[in-house]
N, C-alpha and C. Protein backbone atom coordinates (compact mmCIF):
# COMPACT_ATOMS: atom_id res chain seq x y z
N MET A 1 95.60 140.93 127.79
CA MET A 1 94.24 141.28 127.45
C MET A 1 94.17 141.35 125.92
N PRO A 2 93.14 140.76 125.34
CA PRO A 2 93.01 140.81 123.88
C PRO A 2 92.91 142.25 123.38
N VAL A 3 93.42 142.47 122.18
CA VAL A 3 93.42 143.80 121.58
C VAL A 3 92.01 144.37 121.49
N ARG A 4 91.04 143.52 121.14
CA ARG A 4 89.64 143.98 121.05
C ARG A 4 89.13 144.52 122.37
N THR A 5 89.47 143.83 123.46
CA THR A 5 89.04 144.26 124.78
C THR A 5 89.68 145.60 125.13
N VAL A 6 90.98 145.72 124.86
CA VAL A 6 91.68 146.97 125.14
C VAL A 6 91.06 148.10 124.32
N SER A 7 90.77 147.84 123.05
CA SER A 7 90.15 148.87 122.20
C SER A 7 88.80 149.28 122.75
N ARG A 8 88.00 148.33 123.17
CA ARG A 8 86.69 148.65 123.73
C ARG A 8 86.82 149.47 125.01
N LEU A 9 87.78 149.12 125.86
CA LEU A 9 87.99 149.88 127.09
C LEU A 9 88.43 151.30 126.78
N LEU A 10 89.30 151.47 125.79
CA LEU A 10 89.73 152.82 125.41
C LEU A 10 88.57 153.64 124.87
N ILE A 11 87.72 153.01 124.06
CA ILE A 11 86.54 153.71 123.53
C ILE A 11 85.60 154.09 124.66
N LEU A 12 85.36 153.15 125.58
CA LEU A 12 84.47 153.43 126.72
C LEU A 12 85.03 154.57 127.56
N THR A 13 86.33 154.56 127.80
CA THR A 13 86.95 155.62 128.57
C THR A 13 86.77 156.97 127.87
N ALA A 14 86.96 156.99 126.56
CA ALA A 14 86.79 158.24 125.80
C ALA A 14 85.35 158.72 125.86
N VAL A 15 84.40 157.80 125.72
CA VAL A 15 82.98 158.17 125.77
C VAL A 15 82.63 158.74 127.14
N LEU A 16 83.12 158.09 128.19
CA LEU A 16 82.85 158.58 129.54
C LEU A 16 83.48 159.95 129.75
N ALA A 17 84.68 160.15 129.27
CA ALA A 17 85.34 161.45 129.41
C ALA A 17 84.55 162.55 128.71
N VAL A 18 84.05 162.26 127.53
CA VAL A 18 83.25 163.24 126.80
C VAL A 18 81.96 163.53 127.56
N ALA A 19 81.31 162.48 128.06
CA ALA A 19 80.07 162.67 128.80
C ALA A 19 80.30 163.49 130.06
N LEU A 20 81.39 163.22 130.76
CA LEU A 20 81.68 163.96 131.97
C LEU A 20 82.01 165.42 131.66
N ALA A 21 82.64 165.67 130.53
CA ALA A 21 83.00 167.03 130.15
C ALA A 21 81.81 167.83 129.66
N CYS A 22 80.78 167.17 129.19
CA CYS A 22 79.65 167.86 128.58
C CYS A 22 78.60 168.33 129.57
N GLY A 23 78.71 167.97 130.82
CA GLY A 23 77.69 168.39 131.78
C GLY A 23 76.47 167.52 131.68
N THR A 24 75.30 168.10 131.90
CA THR A 24 74.06 167.35 131.92
C THR A 24 73.71 166.88 130.53
N SER A 25 73.30 165.61 130.45
CA SER A 25 72.91 165.01 129.19
C SER A 25 71.52 164.46 129.32
N GLN A 26 70.89 164.19 128.23
CA GLN A 26 69.57 163.58 128.26
C GLN A 26 69.71 162.11 127.90
N SER A 27 68.91 161.29 128.55
CA SER A 27 68.89 159.88 128.19
C SER A 27 68.14 159.71 126.88
N GLY A 28 68.28 158.54 126.31
CA GLY A 28 67.62 158.26 125.04
C GLY A 28 66.12 158.37 125.13
N SER A 29 65.55 158.15 126.32
CA SER A 29 64.10 158.19 126.45
C SER A 29 63.58 159.62 126.51
N GLY A 30 64.46 160.58 126.84
CA GLY A 30 64.05 161.97 126.89
C GLY A 30 63.21 162.32 128.11
N ASP A 31 62.95 161.35 129.00
CA ASP A 31 62.08 161.65 130.14
C ASP A 31 62.83 161.89 131.43
N ASP A 32 64.14 161.83 131.41
CA ASP A 32 64.90 162.15 132.61
C ASP A 32 66.24 162.73 132.20
N GLU A 33 66.82 163.48 133.09
CA GLU A 33 68.12 164.07 132.83
C GLU A 33 69.11 163.51 133.83
N TYR A 34 70.31 163.32 133.36
CA TYR A 34 71.38 162.87 134.22
C TYR A 34 72.62 163.66 133.84
N GLY A 35 73.56 163.68 134.75
CA GLY A 35 74.80 164.38 134.50
C GLY A 35 75.99 163.57 134.93
N PRO A 36 77.16 164.16 134.83
CA PRO A 36 78.39 163.45 135.17
C PRO A 36 78.39 162.90 136.60
N ALA A 37 77.84 163.66 137.55
CA ALA A 37 77.83 163.21 138.94
C ALA A 37 76.98 161.95 139.10
N ASP A 38 75.89 161.87 138.34
CA ASP A 38 75.01 160.70 138.41
C ASP A 38 75.74 159.46 137.90
N VAL A 39 76.44 159.62 136.78
CA VAL A 39 77.18 158.50 136.19
C VAL A 39 78.29 158.06 137.14
N GLN A 40 79.03 159.03 137.67
CA GLN A 40 80.12 158.71 138.59
C GLN A 40 79.59 157.99 139.83
N PHE A 41 78.49 158.48 140.37
CA PHE A 41 77.88 157.86 141.55
C PHE A 41 77.58 156.38 141.30
N ALA A 42 76.89 156.09 140.22
CA ALA A 42 76.52 154.70 139.92
C ALA A 42 77.76 153.85 139.64
N ARG A 43 78.69 154.39 138.86
CA ARG A 43 79.89 153.62 138.49
C ARG A 43 80.77 153.32 139.70
N GLN A 44 80.78 154.20 140.68
CA GLN A 44 81.59 153.96 141.87
C GLN A 44 80.83 153.13 142.91
N MET A 45 79.56 153.37 143.04
CA MET A 45 78.80 152.70 144.10
C MET A 45 78.59 151.22 143.79
N ILE A 46 78.55 150.83 142.51
CA ILE A 46 78.35 149.42 142.18
C ILE A 46 79.47 148.54 142.76
N PRO A 47 80.75 148.80 142.45
CA PRO A 47 81.78 147.94 143.06
C PRO A 47 81.89 148.15 144.57
N HIS A 48 81.54 149.33 145.06
CA HIS A 48 81.56 149.58 146.50
C HIS A 48 80.54 148.67 147.19
N HIS A 49 79.32 148.65 146.67
CA HIS A 49 78.29 147.76 147.22
C HIS A 49 78.68 146.29 147.06
N ALA A 50 79.28 145.96 145.92
CA ALA A 50 79.67 144.57 145.69
C ALA A 50 80.66 144.10 146.76
N GLN A 51 81.54 144.99 147.18
CA GLN A 51 82.48 144.59 148.23
C GLN A 51 81.76 144.38 149.56
N ALA A 52 80.74 145.17 149.85
CA ALA A 52 79.98 144.95 151.09
C ALA A 52 79.29 143.59 151.06
N VAL A 53 78.77 143.21 149.91
CA VAL A 53 78.17 141.88 149.76
C VAL A 53 79.24 140.81 149.96
N GLU A 54 80.42 141.03 149.39
CA GLU A 54 81.53 140.09 149.56
C GLU A 54 81.91 139.96 151.04
N MET A 55 81.93 141.08 151.75
CA MET A 55 82.24 141.03 153.18
C MET A 55 81.18 140.24 153.94
N ALA A 56 79.92 140.42 153.58
CA ALA A 56 78.85 139.66 154.22
C ALA A 56 79.01 138.17 153.97
N ASP A 57 79.47 137.83 152.78
CA ASP A 57 79.67 136.42 152.43
C ASP A 57 80.83 135.78 153.19
N LEU A 58 81.70 136.59 153.78
CA LEU A 58 82.84 136.06 154.53
C LEU A 58 82.47 135.57 155.92
N LEU A 59 81.25 135.85 156.38
CA LEU A 59 80.87 135.42 157.71
C LEU A 59 81.01 133.91 157.84
N PRO A 60 81.69 133.46 158.89
CA PRO A 60 81.82 132.01 159.09
C PRO A 60 80.48 131.40 159.51
N ALA A 61 80.38 130.12 159.35
CA ALA A 61 79.13 129.41 159.67
C ALA A 61 78.81 129.47 161.16
N ASP A 62 79.85 129.58 162.00
CA ASP A 62 79.62 129.67 163.43
C ASP A 62 80.71 130.52 164.07
N GLY A 63 80.54 130.83 165.34
CA GLY A 63 81.54 131.59 166.06
C GLY A 63 81.31 133.09 166.08
N VAL A 64 80.21 133.56 165.48
CA VAL A 64 79.87 134.98 165.54
C VAL A 64 78.45 135.12 166.08
N SER A 65 78.14 136.30 166.55
CA SER A 65 76.84 136.52 167.17
C SER A 65 75.70 136.46 166.16
N PRO A 66 74.54 136.03 166.61
CA PRO A 66 73.37 136.04 165.74
C PRO A 66 73.05 137.45 165.23
N GLU A 67 73.35 138.46 166.05
CA GLU A 67 73.10 139.85 165.64
C GLU A 67 73.97 140.21 164.43
N LEU A 68 75.22 139.74 164.40
CA LEU A 68 76.09 140.02 163.26
C LEU A 68 75.59 139.27 162.03
N VAL A 69 75.17 138.05 162.20
CA VAL A 69 74.63 137.26 161.08
C VAL A 69 73.42 137.99 160.48
N GLU A 70 72.54 138.47 161.35
CA GLU A 70 71.34 139.19 160.89
C GLU A 70 71.73 140.48 160.15
N LEU A 71 72.67 141.23 160.72
CA LEU A 71 73.10 142.48 160.10
C LEU A 71 73.74 142.24 158.74
N ALA A 72 74.63 141.26 158.66
CA ALA A 72 75.30 140.97 157.39
C ALA A 72 74.28 140.55 156.32
N ALA A 73 73.30 139.76 156.71
CA ALA A 73 72.26 139.35 155.76
C ALA A 73 71.44 140.56 155.29
N ALA A 74 71.16 141.47 156.21
CA ALA A 74 70.40 142.68 155.85
C ALA A 74 71.20 143.55 154.90
N ILE A 75 72.50 143.69 155.16
CA ILE A 75 73.34 144.51 154.29
C ILE A 75 73.40 143.91 152.89
N ALA A 76 73.67 142.62 152.80
CA ALA A 76 73.73 141.97 151.48
C ALA A 76 72.38 142.04 150.79
N GLY A 77 71.31 141.83 151.55
CA GLY A 77 69.97 141.85 150.97
C GLY A 77 69.56 143.21 150.44
N ALA A 78 70.08 144.27 151.03
CA ALA A 78 69.75 145.63 150.58
C ALA A 78 70.65 146.08 149.43
N GLN A 79 71.90 145.71 149.49
CA GLN A 79 72.85 146.27 148.52
C GLN A 79 72.81 145.57 147.17
N GLN A 80 72.49 144.29 147.12
CA GLN A 80 72.41 143.64 145.81
C GLN A 80 71.31 144.25 144.94
N PRO A 81 70.10 144.50 145.47
CA PRO A 81 69.09 145.16 144.63
C PRO A 81 69.51 146.58 144.20
N GLU A 82 70.26 147.27 145.05
CA GLU A 82 70.75 148.60 144.67
C GLU A 82 71.79 148.50 143.56
N ILE A 83 72.62 147.47 143.58
CA ILE A 83 73.57 147.22 142.48
C ILE A 83 72.78 147.03 141.19
N ASP A 84 71.74 146.22 141.26
CA ASP A 84 70.90 145.97 140.08
C ASP A 84 70.25 147.25 139.58
N GLN A 85 69.78 148.09 140.50
CA GLN A 85 69.15 149.35 140.13
C GLN A 85 70.15 150.29 139.46
N MET A 86 71.34 150.41 140.01
CA MET A 86 72.35 151.31 139.42
C MET A 86 72.84 150.78 138.08
N THR A 87 72.93 149.46 137.95
CA THR A 87 73.29 148.86 136.67
C THR A 87 72.25 149.24 135.61
N ALA A 88 70.99 149.13 135.96
CA ALA A 88 69.91 149.49 135.03
C ALA A 88 69.95 150.97 134.69
N MET A 89 70.26 151.83 135.66
CA MET A 89 70.36 153.26 135.39
C MET A 89 71.47 153.52 134.38
N LEU A 90 72.65 152.94 134.60
CA LEU A 90 73.77 153.15 133.68
C LEU A 90 73.41 152.67 132.28
N GLU A 91 72.80 151.50 132.18
CA GLU A 91 72.42 150.98 130.87
C GLU A 91 71.40 151.90 130.19
N ARG A 92 70.47 152.43 130.96
CA ARG A 92 69.47 153.35 130.41
C ARG A 92 70.14 154.61 129.88
N TRP A 93 71.21 155.05 130.56
CA TRP A 93 71.93 156.25 130.15
C TRP A 93 72.93 155.97 129.04
N GLY A 94 73.08 154.68 128.66
CA GLY A 94 74.00 154.33 127.59
C GLY A 94 75.41 154.03 128.03
N PHE A 95 75.61 153.71 129.30
CA PHE A 95 76.93 153.39 129.83
C PHE A 95 77.02 151.92 130.19
N VAL A 96 78.21 151.38 130.07
CA VAL A 96 78.46 150.01 130.46
C VAL A 96 78.76 150.00 131.96
N PRO A 97 78.08 149.17 132.72
CA PRO A 97 78.35 149.10 134.17
C PRO A 97 79.79 148.64 134.41
N PRO A 98 80.38 149.09 135.51
CA PRO A 98 81.76 148.69 135.82
C PRO A 98 81.82 147.25 136.30
N PRO A 99 83.00 146.66 136.26
CA PRO A 99 83.13 145.33 136.86
C PRO A 99 82.88 145.42 138.36
N LEU A 100 82.40 144.34 138.93
CA LEU A 100 82.12 144.35 140.36
C LEU A 100 83.40 144.36 141.20
N LYS A 101 84.49 143.91 140.61
CA LYS A 101 85.77 143.87 141.31
C LYS A 101 86.85 144.39 140.38
N GLY A 102 87.94 144.84 140.98
CA GLY A 102 89.08 145.23 140.17
C GLY A 102 89.07 146.69 139.80
N GLY A 103 89.92 147.03 138.85
CA GLY A 103 90.03 148.43 138.43
C GLY A 103 90.62 149.26 139.55
N HIS A 104 90.11 150.46 139.72
CA HIS A 104 90.61 151.36 140.75
C HIS A 104 89.63 151.44 141.92
N ALA A 105 88.80 150.42 142.07
CA ALA A 105 87.78 150.45 143.13
C ALA A 105 88.42 150.59 144.50
N HIS A 106 89.61 150.03 144.69
CA HIS A 106 90.26 150.09 146.00
C HIS A 106 90.61 151.53 146.41
N GLU A 107 90.60 152.45 145.45
CA GLU A 107 90.93 153.84 145.75
C GLU A 107 89.72 154.62 146.28
N MET A 108 88.53 154.02 146.24
CA MET A 108 87.35 154.71 146.74
C MET A 108 87.31 154.67 148.26
N ALA A 109 86.67 155.67 148.84
CA ALA A 109 86.57 155.77 150.29
C ALA A 109 85.94 154.51 150.88
N GLY A 110 86.59 153.98 151.90
CA GLY A 110 86.04 152.85 152.63
C GLY A 110 86.30 151.49 152.03
N MET A 111 86.91 151.44 150.85
CA MET A 111 87.15 150.14 150.21
C MET A 111 88.30 149.41 150.91
N LEU A 112 88.13 148.12 151.06
CA LEU A 112 89.16 147.29 151.66
C LEU A 112 90.13 146.82 150.58
N SER A 113 91.37 146.70 150.98
CA SER A 113 92.38 146.15 150.07
C SER A 113 92.24 144.63 150.04
N ASP A 114 92.89 144.01 149.10
CA ASP A 114 92.91 142.54 149.04
C ASP A 114 93.51 141.97 150.33
N GLU A 115 94.49 142.67 150.88
CA GLU A 115 95.12 142.22 152.13
C GLU A 115 94.13 142.31 153.29
N ASP A 116 93.35 143.38 153.33
CA ASP A 116 92.34 143.53 154.38
C ASP A 116 91.33 142.39 154.30
N LEU A 117 90.87 142.10 153.08
CA LEU A 117 89.89 141.02 152.90
C LEU A 117 90.49 139.67 153.30
N ALA A 118 91.76 139.44 152.97
CA ALA A 118 92.41 138.19 153.34
C ALA A 118 92.53 138.07 154.86
N ALA A 119 92.91 139.16 155.52
CA ALA A 119 93.01 139.15 156.99
C ALA A 119 91.65 138.89 157.62
N LEU A 120 90.63 139.51 157.08
CA LEU A 120 89.28 139.29 157.60
C LEU A 120 88.86 137.83 157.40
N GLY A 121 89.13 137.31 156.23
CA GLY A 121 88.78 135.92 155.95
C GLY A 121 89.52 134.92 156.82
N ALA A 122 90.71 135.29 157.30
CA ALA A 122 91.50 134.40 158.15
C ALA A 122 91.12 134.50 159.62
N ALA A 123 90.44 135.55 160.00
CA ALA A 123 90.07 135.75 161.40
C ALA A 123 88.91 134.83 161.79
N THR A 124 88.79 134.59 163.08
CA THR A 124 87.70 133.75 163.60
C THR A 124 87.12 134.38 164.86
N GLY A 125 85.93 133.92 165.21
CA GLY A 125 85.29 134.28 166.48
C GLY A 125 85.19 135.77 166.73
N ALA A 126 85.53 136.16 167.97
CA ALA A 126 85.40 137.55 168.40
C ALA A 126 86.31 138.47 167.58
N GLU A 127 87.49 137.96 167.21
CA GLU A 127 88.41 138.77 166.39
C GLU A 127 87.76 139.07 165.04
N PHE A 128 87.16 138.07 164.41
CA PHE A 128 86.47 138.29 163.13
C PHE A 128 85.37 139.33 163.30
N GLU A 129 84.57 139.15 164.33
CA GLU A 129 83.43 140.05 164.53
C GLU A 129 83.90 141.49 164.71
N ARG A 130 84.94 141.71 165.53
CA ARG A 130 85.47 143.05 165.76
C ARG A 130 86.02 143.63 164.46
N MET A 131 86.80 142.84 163.73
CA MET A 131 87.37 143.32 162.46
C MET A 131 86.27 143.63 161.45
N TRP A 132 85.29 142.75 161.34
CA TRP A 132 84.21 142.94 160.37
C TRP A 132 83.45 144.22 160.66
N LEU A 133 83.08 144.42 161.92
CA LEU A 133 82.33 145.62 162.30
C LEU A 133 83.15 146.88 162.03
N THR A 134 84.41 146.87 162.44
CA THR A 134 85.27 148.04 162.25
C THR A 134 85.43 148.36 160.76
N MET A 135 85.68 147.32 159.96
CA MET A 135 85.86 147.52 158.53
C MET A 135 84.56 147.94 157.84
N MET A 136 83.45 147.38 158.27
CA MET A 136 82.17 147.72 157.64
C MET A 136 81.75 149.14 158.01
N ILE A 137 82.06 149.59 159.21
CA ILE A 137 81.76 150.98 159.57
C ILE A 137 82.50 151.92 158.62
N GLU A 138 83.79 151.67 158.42
CA GLU A 138 84.58 152.50 157.51
C GLU A 138 84.05 152.41 156.08
N HIS A 139 83.69 151.20 155.67
CA HIS A 139 83.14 150.97 154.33
C HIS A 139 81.83 151.75 154.15
N HIS A 140 80.94 151.63 155.12
CA HIS A 140 79.67 152.35 155.06
C HIS A 140 79.88 153.87 155.03
N GLN A 141 80.84 154.37 155.82
CA GLN A 141 81.09 155.81 155.83
C GLN A 141 81.53 156.28 154.45
N GLY A 142 82.32 155.46 153.76
CA GLY A 142 82.71 155.80 152.39
C GLY A 142 81.50 155.89 151.47
N ALA A 143 80.56 154.95 151.63
CA ALA A 143 79.34 154.97 150.81
C ALA A 143 78.49 156.20 151.13
N VAL A 144 78.39 156.54 152.41
CA VAL A 144 77.62 157.72 152.80
C VAL A 144 78.25 158.98 152.19
N ASP A 145 79.57 159.07 152.22
CA ASP A 145 80.26 160.22 151.64
C ASP A 145 79.96 160.32 150.14
N MET A 146 80.01 159.19 149.43
CA MET A 146 79.72 159.20 147.99
C MET A 146 78.27 159.58 147.73
N ALA A 147 77.37 159.08 148.57
CA ALA A 147 75.95 159.42 148.40
C ALA A 147 75.69 160.90 148.68
N GLU A 148 76.39 161.45 149.65
CA GLU A 148 76.24 162.88 149.93
C GLU A 148 76.78 163.72 148.77
N ASP A 149 77.85 163.26 148.13
CA ASP A 149 78.35 163.94 146.93
C ASP A 149 77.29 163.92 145.84
N GLN A 150 76.61 162.79 145.69
CA GLN A 150 75.55 162.66 144.69
C GLN A 150 74.42 163.65 144.99
N LEU A 151 74.06 163.76 146.25
CA LEU A 151 72.99 164.69 146.62
C LEU A 151 73.38 166.14 146.36
N ALA A 152 74.66 166.45 146.51
CA ALA A 152 75.13 167.81 146.29
C ALA A 152 75.27 168.15 144.81
N GLU A 153 75.61 167.15 143.98
CA GLU A 153 75.98 167.44 142.60
C GLU A 153 75.12 166.74 141.55
N GLY A 154 74.39 165.69 141.93
CA GLY A 154 73.64 164.91 140.96
C GLY A 154 72.35 165.58 140.53
N SER A 155 71.85 165.15 139.36
CA SER A 155 70.60 165.74 138.85
C SER A 155 69.52 164.70 138.57
N ASP A 156 69.87 163.43 138.43
CA ASP A 156 68.88 162.40 138.13
C ASP A 156 68.05 162.11 139.38
N ALA A 157 66.73 162.18 139.24
CA ALA A 157 65.83 162.00 140.39
C ALA A 157 65.98 160.62 141.02
N GLU A 158 66.08 159.58 140.20
CA GLU A 158 66.20 158.22 140.74
C GLU A 158 67.52 158.05 141.49
N ALA A 159 68.61 158.57 140.93
CA ALA A 159 69.91 158.46 141.59
C ALA A 159 69.93 159.25 142.89
N ARG A 160 69.29 160.41 142.90
CA ARG A 160 69.23 161.22 144.13
C ARG A 160 68.40 160.51 145.20
N GLU A 161 67.29 159.91 144.80
CA GLU A 161 66.46 159.17 145.75
C GLU A 161 67.23 157.99 146.34
N LEU A 162 67.97 157.29 145.48
CA LEU A 162 68.79 156.17 145.96
C LEU A 162 69.86 156.67 146.91
N ALA A 163 70.50 157.80 146.60
CA ALA A 163 71.53 158.35 147.47
C ALA A 163 70.95 158.70 148.84
N GLU A 164 69.76 159.28 148.87
CA GLU A 164 69.11 159.59 150.15
C GLU A 164 68.87 158.32 150.96
N GLN A 165 68.41 157.27 150.27
CA GLN A 165 68.17 155.99 150.93
C GLN A 165 69.47 155.42 151.50
N ILE A 166 70.54 155.50 150.73
CA ILE A 166 71.84 154.99 151.18
C ILE A 166 72.29 155.73 152.44
N VAL A 167 72.18 157.05 152.43
CA VAL A 167 72.58 157.83 153.60
C VAL A 167 71.76 157.42 154.82
N ASP A 168 70.45 157.35 154.67
CA ASP A 168 69.58 157.02 155.81
C ASP A 168 69.87 155.63 156.36
N VAL A 169 69.90 154.64 155.49
CA VAL A 169 70.08 153.25 155.93
C VAL A 169 71.48 153.02 156.49
N GLN A 170 72.49 153.51 155.79
CA GLN A 170 73.84 153.20 156.23
C GLN A 170 74.25 154.02 157.46
N ASP A 171 73.72 155.23 157.62
CA ASP A 171 73.96 155.95 158.87
C ASP A 171 73.38 155.16 160.05
N ALA A 172 72.18 154.62 159.88
CA ALA A 172 71.55 153.82 160.94
C ALA A 172 72.36 152.55 161.21
N GLU A 173 72.84 151.92 160.15
CA GLU A 173 73.65 150.70 160.34
C GLU A 173 74.98 151.03 161.01
N ILE A 174 75.58 152.17 160.70
CA ILE A 174 76.82 152.57 161.36
C ILE A 174 76.57 152.71 162.87
N ALA A 175 75.49 153.38 163.23
CA ALA A 175 75.15 153.54 164.66
C ALA A 175 74.97 152.16 165.32
N ARG A 176 74.29 151.28 164.62
CA ARG A 176 74.06 149.93 165.15
C ARG A 176 75.39 149.20 165.35
N MET A 177 76.28 149.28 164.36
CA MET A 177 77.57 148.59 164.46
C MET A 177 78.44 149.20 165.55
N GLU A 178 78.41 150.51 165.71
CA GLU A 178 79.17 151.13 166.80
C GLU A 178 78.66 150.62 168.15
N GLY A 179 77.36 150.45 168.28
CA GLY A 179 76.80 149.88 169.50
C GLY A 179 77.22 148.43 169.71
N MET A 180 77.31 147.68 168.64
CA MET A 180 77.75 146.28 168.74
C MET A 180 79.21 146.19 169.16
N LEU A 181 80.03 147.16 168.77
CA LEU A 181 81.44 147.14 169.16
C LEU A 181 81.65 147.45 170.65
N ARG A 182 80.68 148.16 171.24
CA ARG A 182 80.81 148.51 172.66
C ARG A 182 80.52 147.33 173.48
């Protein structure tokens, strides 16, 4: 990695650490308040959502149920705009959005490892469908847990509203996927 990139990452890490240590901060616009929980929520949920979109993109052209195709399209269609919204929130707060892949994202609740994604990508037919549903249920539960943390600790109104939406939608999708597995 170039020295400049490493230096920028170290500076960003230091800035984030200071922001997290300082508690609630005001954005440059002065019209909303955000705190460490809000920043953490957006920074973690962006790569989390990106992986759900990646999982949706793994659906094969055939061999899976139309219901799964519809569900995967709905998940990708909902989560990409939320990624864009959280990216805009971070930028408004003066933070650089995280990369969509890499870093320590695999350590977040519900995230699939590279091996999990490879196994899913190699599966076909009913095996793919069962694996995808099982993995997406776990993935969604991780997102719900992070959103509930945001609701408990966050202060930014937009981030809290998004967290409520994530809990509502993904809880409903979990129920739907559990029904599809039966």
